[in-house]
Protein backbone atom coordinates (compact mmCIF):
# COMPACT_ATOMS: atom_id res chain seq x y z
CA MET A 1 10.78 -6.27 -20.65
CA LYS A 2 12.11 -5.22 -17.24
CA ILE A 3 10.13 -3.69 -14.39
CA LEU A 4 11.74 -1.86 -11.47
CA ILE A 5 9.75 -1.96 -8.23
CA ALA A 6 10.55 0.81 -5.74
CA ASN A 7 9.50 0.31 -2.12
CA PRO A 8 10.30 3.33 0.07
CA GLY A 9 10.01 3.42 3.85
CA SER A 10 10.44 6.19 6.39
CA THR A 11 14.20 5.58 6.76
CA SER A 12 14.75 2.78 4.26
CA TYR A 13 14.50 2.06 0.57
CA LYS A 14 14.16 -1.27 -1.23
CA CYS A 15 14.00 -2.07 -4.90
CA LYS A 16 13.79 -5.12 -7.15
CA LEU A 17 14.32 -5.40 -10.89
CA TYR A 18 12.09 -8.03 -12.51
CA ASP A 19 12.19 -9.76 -15.86
CA SER A 20 8.52 -9.55 -16.81
CA ALA A 21 8.51 -12.82 -18.80
CA GLU A 22 8.82 -15.07 -15.74
CA LEU A 23 8.75 -12.42 -12.99
CA THR A 24 12.22 -13.49 -11.93
CA VAL A 25 14.35 -11.08 -9.88
CA LEU A 26 17.40 -9.81 -11.77
CA PHE A 27 18.59 -7.40 -9.08
CA GLU A 28 17.53 -6.41 -5.57
CA ALA A 29 18.84 -3.87 -3.10
CA THR A 30 18.07 -2.44 0.33
CA VAL A 31 19.30 0.78 1.93
CA GLU A 32 18.67 1.17 5.67
CA ARG A 33 19.30 4.11 8.02
CA ILE A 34 18.99 6.72 5.29
CA GLY A 35 20.36 10.06 6.50
CA GLU A 36 23.04 8.51 8.68
CA GLN A 37 26.80 8.10 8.30
CA ASN A 38 26.55 4.36 8.95
CA ALA A 39 23.76 3.49 6.53
CA ILE A 40 23.57 -0.17 5.54
CA TYR A 41 23.53 -1.07 1.86
CA ARG A 42 22.84 -4.61 0.69
CA TYR A 43 22.41 -5.74 -2.89
CA ARG A 44 22.44 -8.87 -5.01
CA HIS A 45 22.50 -9.55 -8.73
CA ALA A 46 20.80 -12.76 -9.87
CA GLY A 47 23.21 -15.67 -9.53
CA ASP A 48 25.58 -13.79 -7.20
CA SER A 49 25.98 -13.74 -3.44
CA GLU A 50 24.70 -10.76 -1.49
CA VAL A 51 27.06 -7.83 -1.03
CA SER A 52 26.81 -5.69 2.10
CA ALA A 53 28.45 -2.39 2.97
CA THR A 54 28.23 0.40 5.55
CA LEU A 55 28.57 3.91 4.16
CA PRO A 56 27.11 7.44 4.43
CA VAL A 57 23.77 7.91 2.63
CA ALA A 58 22.68 11.51 3.05
CA ASP A 59 19.07 11.37 1.85
CA TYR A 60 16.52 9.62 -0.36
CA PRO A 61 17.94 10.84 -3.68
CA ALA A 62 21.32 9.47 -2.59
CA ALA A 63 19.77 6.10 -1.70
CA VAL A 64 17.94 5.81 -5.02
CA GLY A 65 21.06 6.94 -6.92
CA LEU A 66 23.18 4.37 -5.10
CA THR A 67 20.91 1.48 -6.07
CA LEU A 68 20.56 2.68 -9.67
CA SER A 69 24.34 2.96 -9.98
CA THR A 70 24.74 -0.66 -8.92
CA LEU A 71 21.82 -1.80 -11.07
CA THR A 72 23.20 -0.18 -14.22
CA SER A 73 26.52 -1.97 -13.82
CA ARG A 74 24.70 -5.01 -15.26
CA HIS A 75 21.42 -3.71 -16.73
CA ALA A 76 20.80 -0.77 -19.04
CA ILE A 77 18.40 1.68 -17.43
CA ALA A 78 16.91 2.28 -20.89
CA GLY A 79 15.62 -1.30 -20.72
CA VAL A 80 13.33 -0.54 -17.77
CA ALA A 81 9.77 -0.37 -19.12
CA ALA A 82 8.22 1.07 -15.95
CA VAL A 83 8.84 1.81 -12.29
CA GLY A 84 6.20 0.36 -9.99
CA PHE A 85 5.24 1.56 -6.50
CA LYS A 86 3.18 0.01 -3.70
CA THR A 87 1.22 3.22 -3.20
CA VAL A 88 -1.06 3.48 -0.17
CA HIS A 89 -4.04 5.83 -0.37
CA ALA A 90 -5.70 8.39 -2.68
CA LYS A 91 -9.18 9.89 -2.69
CA GLY A 92 -11.28 8.29 -5.42
CA VAL A 93 -8.37 6.29 -6.84
CA THR A 94 -7.49 2.62 -6.44
CA GLY A 95 -6.20 -0.26 -8.54
CA CYS A 96 -3.08 -0.15 -10.70
CA VAL A 97 -2.76 3.27 -12.37
CA GLU A 98 -0.20 5.57 -13.91
CA LEU A 99 0.99 8.13 -11.38
CA THR A 100 -0.13 11.28 -13.15
CA ASP A 101 -0.39 14.72 -11.58
CA ASP A 102 -4.11 14.05 -10.95
CA VAL A 103 -3.33 10.84 -9.06
CA LEU A 104 -0.66 12.59 -7.00
CA ALA A 105 -3.21 15.30 -6.17
CA ALA A 106 -5.64 12.58 -5.02
CA MET A 107 -2.89 11.17 -2.80
CA GLU A 108 -2.36 14.60 -1.28
CA GLU A 109 -6.12 14.89 -0.63
CA TYR A 110 -5.90 11.90 1.71
CA ARG A 111 -2.49 12.80 3.09
CA LEU A 112 -3.90 13.41 6.59
CA LEU A 113 -4.95 9.75 6.76
CA ALA A 114 -1.49 8.36 5.98
CA PRO A 115 1.01 11.22 6.24
CA VAL A 116 4.23 9.24 6.64
CA HIS A 117 3.35 6.79 3.87
CA THR A 118 2.21 9.53 1.50
CA ASP A 119 5.27 11.68 2.12
CA VAL A 120 7.81 8.94 1.36
CA TYR A 121 5.98 7.79 -1.74
CA VAL A 122 5.51 11.29 -3.14
CA MET A 123 9.20 11.91 -2.50
CA ALA A 124 10.26 8.69 -4.22
CA ILE A 125 7.95 9.31 -7.17
CA SER A 126 9.32 12.84 -7.62
CA ILE A 127 12.89 11.50 -7.60
CA PHE A 128 12.13 8.98 -10.35
CA LYS A 129 10.26 11.58 -12.40
CA LYS A 130 13.49 13.58 -12.52
CA LEU A 131 15.83 10.60 -13.02
CA LEU A 132 13.69 8.77 -15.60
CA PRO A 133 11.41 11.38 -17.19
CA GLN A 134 10.45 9.15 -20.14
CA THR A 135 9.68 6.03 -18.06
CA PRO A 136 6.08 5.38 -16.93
CA LEU A 137 5.62 5.43 -13.15
CA VAL A 138 2.82 3.11 -12.04
CA GLY A 139 1.25 2.62 -8.61
CA LEU A 140 -0.67 -0.35 -7.23
CA PHE A 141 -2.78 1.06 -4.40
CA GLU A 142 -2.98 -0.98 -1.20
CA THR A 143 -6.73 -0.42 -1.09
CA HIS A 144 -7.37 -2.34 -4.33
CA PHE A 145 -7.30 -5.79 -2.72
CA HIS A 146 -10.10 -4.72 -0.38
CA THR A 147 -12.55 -3.44 -3.01
CA HIS A 148 -14.69 -6.60 -2.56
CA ILE A 149 -15.47 -5.77 1.08
CA PRO A 150 -19.29 -5.62 1.18
CA PRO A 151 -20.96 -2.26 1.84
CA GLU A 152 -22.27 -3.32 5.25
CA ALA A 153 -18.71 -4.06 6.38
CA ALA A 154 -17.27 -0.86 4.91
CA VAL A 155 -19.82 1.75 6.01
CA TYR A 156 -19.44 3.83 9.17
CA GLY A 157 -22.34 5.04 11.32
CA ILE A 158 -22.05 8.70 10.35
CA PRO A 159 -24.52 10.84 8.37
CA TYR A 160 -24.55 9.21 4.95
CA ASP A 161 -24.04 12.48 3.09
CA PHE A 162 -20.60 12.71 4.76
CA THR A 163 -19.86 9.19 3.57
CA VAL A 164 -20.59 10.19 -0.01
CA LYS A 165 -19.08 13.68 0.09
CA HIS A 166 -15.77 12.79 1.72
CA GLY A 167 -15.39 9.10 0.88
CA ILE A 168 -15.44 8.11 4.55
CA ARG A 169 -15.52 4.29 4.73
CA LYS A 170 -13.32 1.31 5.42
CA TYR A 171 -10.61 0.95 2.76
CA GLY A 172 -8.05 -1.48 4.21
CA PHE A 173 -4.31 -1.66 3.62
CA HIS A 174 -1.39 -4.13 3.33
CA GLY A 175 -3.22 -5.23 0.18
CA ALA A 176 -0.18 -6.54 -1.71
CA SER A 177 0.96 -8.57 1.31
CA HIS A 178 -2.45 -10.11 2.01
CA ARG A 179 -2.93 -10.86 -1.68
CA TYR A 180 0.40 -12.66 -1.93
CA VAL A 181 -0.39 -14.68 1.18
CA ALA A 182 -3.75 -15.70 -0.30
CA MET A 183 -2.12 -16.79 -3.56
CA ARG A 184 0.56 -18.78 -1.76
CA ALA A 185 -1.84 -20.40 0.74
CA GLU A 186 -4.00 -21.64 -2.12
CA LYS A 187 -0.98 -23.08 -3.92
CA LEU A 188 0.49 -24.76 -0.82
CA PHE A 189 -2.65 -25.93 0.95
CA GLY A 190 -5.54 -25.48 -1.46
CA ALA A 191 -6.93 -22.84 0.91
CA ARG A 192 -9.84 -20.71 -0.32
CA LYS A 193 -10.80 -19.17 3.02
CA VAL A 194 -7.74 -17.58 4.58
CA ILE A 195 -7.13 -15.37 7.62
CA SER A 196 -3.94 -13.45 6.95
CA CYS A 197 -2.07 -11.94 9.91
CA HIS A 198 0.46 -9.35 8.71
CA LEU A 199 2.22 -8.55 11.97
CA GLY A 200 5.15 -6.20 12.47
CA GLY A 201 5.79 -2.50 12.94
CA SER A 202 2.57 -2.06 10.98
CA SER A 203 -0.02 -4.81 11.51
CA SER A 204 -3.37 -5.86 10.12
CA VAL A 205 -5.54 -8.97 9.95
CA CYS A 206 -7.53 -9.82 6.82
CA ALA A 207 -10.37 -12.22 6.02
CA ILE A 208 -9.92 -13.57 2.48
CA LYS A 209 -12.36 -15.62 0.41
CA ASP A 210 -11.64 -16.90 -3.09
CA GLY A 211 -8.57 -14.68 -3.44
CA TRP A 212 -10.10 -11.35 -2.35
CA SER A 213 -10.45 -9.53 0.95
CA VAL A 214 -13.94 -9.55 2.47
CA ASP A 215 -12.95 -7.71 5.65
CA THR A 216 -9.84 -6.33 7.29
CA SER A 217 -8.85 -4.74 10.57
CA MET A 218 -7.61 -1.42 9.19
CA GLY A 219 -10.30 1.08 8.23
CA MET A 220 -10.21 4.40 6.44
CA SER A 221 -6.60 4.88 7.49
CA PRO A 222 -3.62 2.67 8.38
CA GLN A 223 -3.83 4.15 11.89
CA SER A 224 -6.76 1.89 12.87
CA GLY A 225 -7.21 -1.80 13.67
CA VAL A 226 -4.85 -3.77 15.92
CA LEU A 227 -2.07 -1.97 17.78
CA ASN A 228 0.88 -0.96 15.62
CA ALA A 229 4.42 -0.11 16.71
CA LYS A 230 3.61 3.55 17.40
CA ARG A 231 0.13 3.93 15.86
CA VAL A 232 -2.78 3.74 18.23
CA GLY A 233 -5.08 1.26 16.47
CA ASP A 234 -8.79 1.11 17.34
CA LEU A 235 -9.90 3.90 19.67
CA ASP A 236 -13.30 5.12 20.82
CA PRO A 237 -13.75 8.46 18.96
CA TYR A 238 -15.11 10.11 22.08
CA ALA A 239 -12.05 9.03 24.04
CA LEU A 240 -10.06 11.01 21.48
CA LEU A 241 -12.36 14.03 21.73
CA TYR A 242 -12.10 13.93 25.53
CA LEU A 243 -8.32 13.68 25.34
CA MET A 244 -8.13 16.61 22.91
CA HIS A 245 -10.33 18.67 25.24
CA LYS A 246 -8.43 17.87 28.44
CA GLU A 247 -4.94 18.19 26.91
CA LYS A 248 -5.93 21.13 24.68
CA LEU A 249 -4.67 19.34 21.56
CA SER A 250 -5.16 20.68 18.06
CA VAL A 251 -6.02 18.32 15.19
CA ASP A 252 -2.33 18.24 14.21
CA ASP A 253 -1.28 17.63 17.80
CA ALA A 254 -3.75 14.77 18.17
CA GLY A 255 -2.58 13.26 14.88
CA LYS A 256 1.00 13.20 16.11
CA VAL A 257 -0.02 11.51 19.35
CA LEU A 258 -2.06 8.85 17.54
CA MET A 259 0.61 8.20 14.94
CA SER A 260 3.90 8.45 16.83
CA ARG A 261 3.20 8.06 20.55
CA GLY A 262 0.59 5.31 20.60
CA GLY A 263 0.46 1.56 19.98
CA ILE A 264 2.99 -0.83 21.49
CA PHE A 265 5.32 2.08 22.20
CA GLY A 266 2.61 4.11 23.87
CA ILE A 267 1.62 1.34 26.27
CA SER A 268 5.12 0.07 27.03
CA GLY A 269 6.74 3.50 27.18
CA THR A 270 9.97 2.04 25.81
CA SER A 271 9.68 0.49 22.34
CA GLY A 272 7.38 -0.56 19.52
CA ASP A 273 9.65 -3.44 18.48
CA PHE A 274 8.55 -6.88 19.68
CA ARG A 275 12.17 -7.98 20.08
CA ASP A 276 12.67 -5.21 22.64
CA ILE A 277 9.29 -5.89 24.24
CA GLU A 278 10.01 -9.59 24.76
CA ALA A 279 13.46 -8.79 26.19
CA SER A 280 11.86 -6.35 28.64
CA MET A 281 9.20 -8.89 29.58
CA GLN A 282 11.93 -11.35 30.55
CA LYS A 283 13.24 -8.70 32.95
CA GLY A 284 9.84 -8.35 34.58
CA ASP A 285 8.70 -5.14 32.86
CA ALA A 286 4.95 -5.05 33.56
CA ARG A 287 4.14 -2.39 30.96
CA ALA A 288 6.00 -4.29 28.25
CA ALA A 289 3.95 -7.35 29.18
CA LEU A 290 0.75 -5.29 29.05
CA ALA A 291 1.62 -4.01 25.56
CA PHE A 292 2.41 -7.54 24.37
CA ASN A 293 -0.78 -8.97 25.84
CA ALA A 294 -2.92 -6.15 24.45
CA PHE A 295 -1.56 -6.82 20.97
CA VAL A 296 -2.15 -10.57 21.35
CA TYR A 297 -5.71 -9.93 22.50
CA GLY A 298 -6.43 -7.67 19.53
CA VAL A 299 -5.15 -10.14 16.93
CA LYS A 300 -6.98 -13.04 18.62
CA ARG A 301 -10.21 -11.01 18.61
CA TYR A 302 -9.95 -10.29 14.88
CA ILE A 303 -9.22 -13.94 14.11
CA GLY A 304 -12.40 -14.86 16.00
CA GLU A 305 -14.42 -12.26 14.12
CA TYR A 306 -13.18 -13.49 10.78
CA LEU A 307 -13.87 -17.12 11.58
CA ALA A 308 -17.48 -15.98 12.00
CA ILE A 309 -17.45 -13.85 8.81
CA LEU A 310 -15.93 -16.66 6.72
CA ASN A 311 -17.92 -19.43 8.47
CA GLY A 312 -14.64 -21.14 9.32
CA ALA A 313 -11.26 -21.00 7.63
CA ASP A 314 -9.01 -23.31 5.66
CA CYS A 315 -5.81 -21.60 6.74
CA ILE A 316 -4.50 -18.99 9.18
CA VAL A 317 -1.26 -17.42 7.95
CA PHE A 318 1.37 -15.41 9.82
CA THR A 319 3.56 -13.09 7.76
CA ALA A 320 5.75 -9.94 7.99
CA GLY A 321 8.53 -9.50 10.55
CA ALA A 322 6.81 -10.33 13.84
CA GLY A 323 4.36 -12.73 12.24
CA GLN A 324 7.08 -14.70 10.53
CA HIS A 325 9.61 -14.74 13.38
CA GLY A 326 7.54 -14.29 16.56
CA VAL A 327 7.47 -17.77 18.07
CA LEU A 328 6.06 -16.62 21.42
CA LEU A 329 3.71 -14.15 19.74
CA ARG A 330 2.10 -16.84 17.55
CA LYS A 331 1.82 -19.22 20.51
CA ARG A 332 0.04 -16.65 22.68
CA ILE A 333 -2.29 -15.52 19.90
CA LEU A 334 -3.45 -19.06 19.12
CA ALA A 335 -3.64 -20.34 22.70
CA ASN A 336 -6.99 -21.76 23.90
CA MET A 337 -8.63 -21.77 20.46
CA GLU A 338 -8.92 -25.55 20.05
CA ASN A 339 -12.72 -25.44 20.10
CA LEU A 340 -12.52 -23.21 17.03
CA GLY A 341 -10.43 -25.77 15.16
CA ILE A 342 -7.06 -24.13 15.82
CA VAL A 343 -4.37 -26.46 17.19
CA LEU A 344 -0.78 -25.24 17.09
CA ASP A 345 2.11 -27.74 17.03
CA ASP A 346 4.60 -26.41 19.59
CA THR A 347 7.58 -28.16 17.99
CA ARG A 348 6.87 -26.89 14.50
CA ASN A 349 6.18 -23.41 15.83
CA THR A 350 9.44 -23.34 17.80
CA GLU A 351 11.42 -24.58 14.80
CA ASN A 352 10.06 -21.50 13.01
CA PRO A 353 10.27 -22.64 9.38
CA ASN A 354 10.87 -20.00 6.74
CA GLU A 355 7.68 -21.20 5.08
CA GLY A 356 5.33 -24.01 5.98
CA ARG A 357 2.81 -25.58 8.31
CA ILE A 358 3.05 -25.05 12.08
CA SER A 359 -0.29 -26.58 13.04
CA SER A 360 -0.82 -30.03 14.48
CA ASP A 361 -1.70 -32.81 12.04
CA THR A 362 -5.04 -33.04 13.86
CA SER A 363 -5.84 -29.32 13.51
CA PRO A 364 -8.97 -28.79 11.37
CA ILE A 365 -7.55 -25.41 10.32
CA THR A 366 -4.06 -25.26 8.84
CA ILE A 367 -1.76 -22.74 10.51
CA ALA A 368 1.21 -21.61 8.45
CA ILE A 369 4.08 -19.18 8.09
CA ILE A 370 4.36 -17.60 4.65
CA PRO A 371 6.94 -14.86 4.02
CA THR A 372 5.30 -12.05 2.13
CA ASN A 373 6.45 -10.76 -1.25
CA GLU A 374 4.74 -7.46 -1.93
CA GLU A 375 7.10 -6.51 -4.76
CA TYR A 376 6.08 -9.62 -6.71
CA VAL A 377 2.42 -8.63 -6.57
CA VAL A 378 3.20 -5.06 -7.65
CA ALA A 379 5.39 -6.31 -10.51
CA LYS A 380 2.66 -8.67 -11.67
CA GLU A 381 0.07 -5.89 -11.73
CA VAL A 382 2.39 -3.37 -13.41
CA CYS A 383 3.11 -5.91 -16.16
CA ALA A 384 -0.63 -6.43 -16.69
CA PHE A 385 -1.15 -2.65 -16.76
CA LEU A 386 1.52 -2.18 -19.43
CA GLU A 387 0.16 -5.04 -21.52
CA GLY A 388 -3.35 -3.60 -21.33
CA ARG A 389 -2.13 -0.18 -22.36
CA THR A 390 -0.28 -1.67 -25.35
CA GLU A 391 -3.38 -3.60 -26.47
CA SER A 392 -5.57 -0.51 -26.26
């Protein structure tokens, strides 16, 4: 049985074809800069070297069609048992479910909370419904990994009837990434209490115990928590109300500010990419330094909170683009935390291993880099879903 995992982004599309028996990757492809004349297409069949090309890719259907054309040169599309998606948010829906019209309607109900994510996934799902009308489409919702967060950590201080009526609570995101990190940290280091730092254009920190999230920095939406590239992160609600009043912003206007003009970009005024921020810092850009330091402070604060929640940790993991490659970022985040059992090894950190320990041998808490693999987690859950449906 083969499972195709589709992972759409705002201007990119990734996919992997898995053999369900061993969850080995048979084919993988990435399309970047969708909508441009110089889009980048990379793909690899199992056992072959990666092929890369620059070509026009007009839109999402073209990107999906391009990858399917390459895939079917080796694998019959009729052999794909399901297409899996790392879906984000839906009112009243979580876990691994078939993407029926009712589920899509539930996604639309919470669209305001994650508009960019919802739009690209709904688009990708609609494309596959047309291309593969007889193939089940299955989504693993990012919120599922966080369903073990206790009520006292999930509830907000609003009238409780609003909580019940509208489902207003902490949900958490990056679930597939944090889950993979937890699985890998246990295998590599025997870690049961893990603090996972998924840091990149979208960032969150997660406290994990015995394989499940018990708290996480993102709340009801992916717009909250630590600073993101262009998303604002944590913000006093009355600061927002004051801003809306003074700037005469509508709800839609405020949403655009919080989602596309905030975060690292909002503070620096130049970029939400840490590579650009660090380059600007080297040139003496004070606002870039402020953005960098504000992000560092936020991640450090959440690590401290989760050390208290977990009563210590076995392992702190850095993953995703900035987490995996940000040598200076990791060093600044973990500085002056020795009394909490966190001792970074500068040499190991600078060597920046693809995967492995970067803490000192004397550090009570292991610090590690683990590259995430969200598609693997989705594929694993989609296989279990299909097997369960067959048994029933």
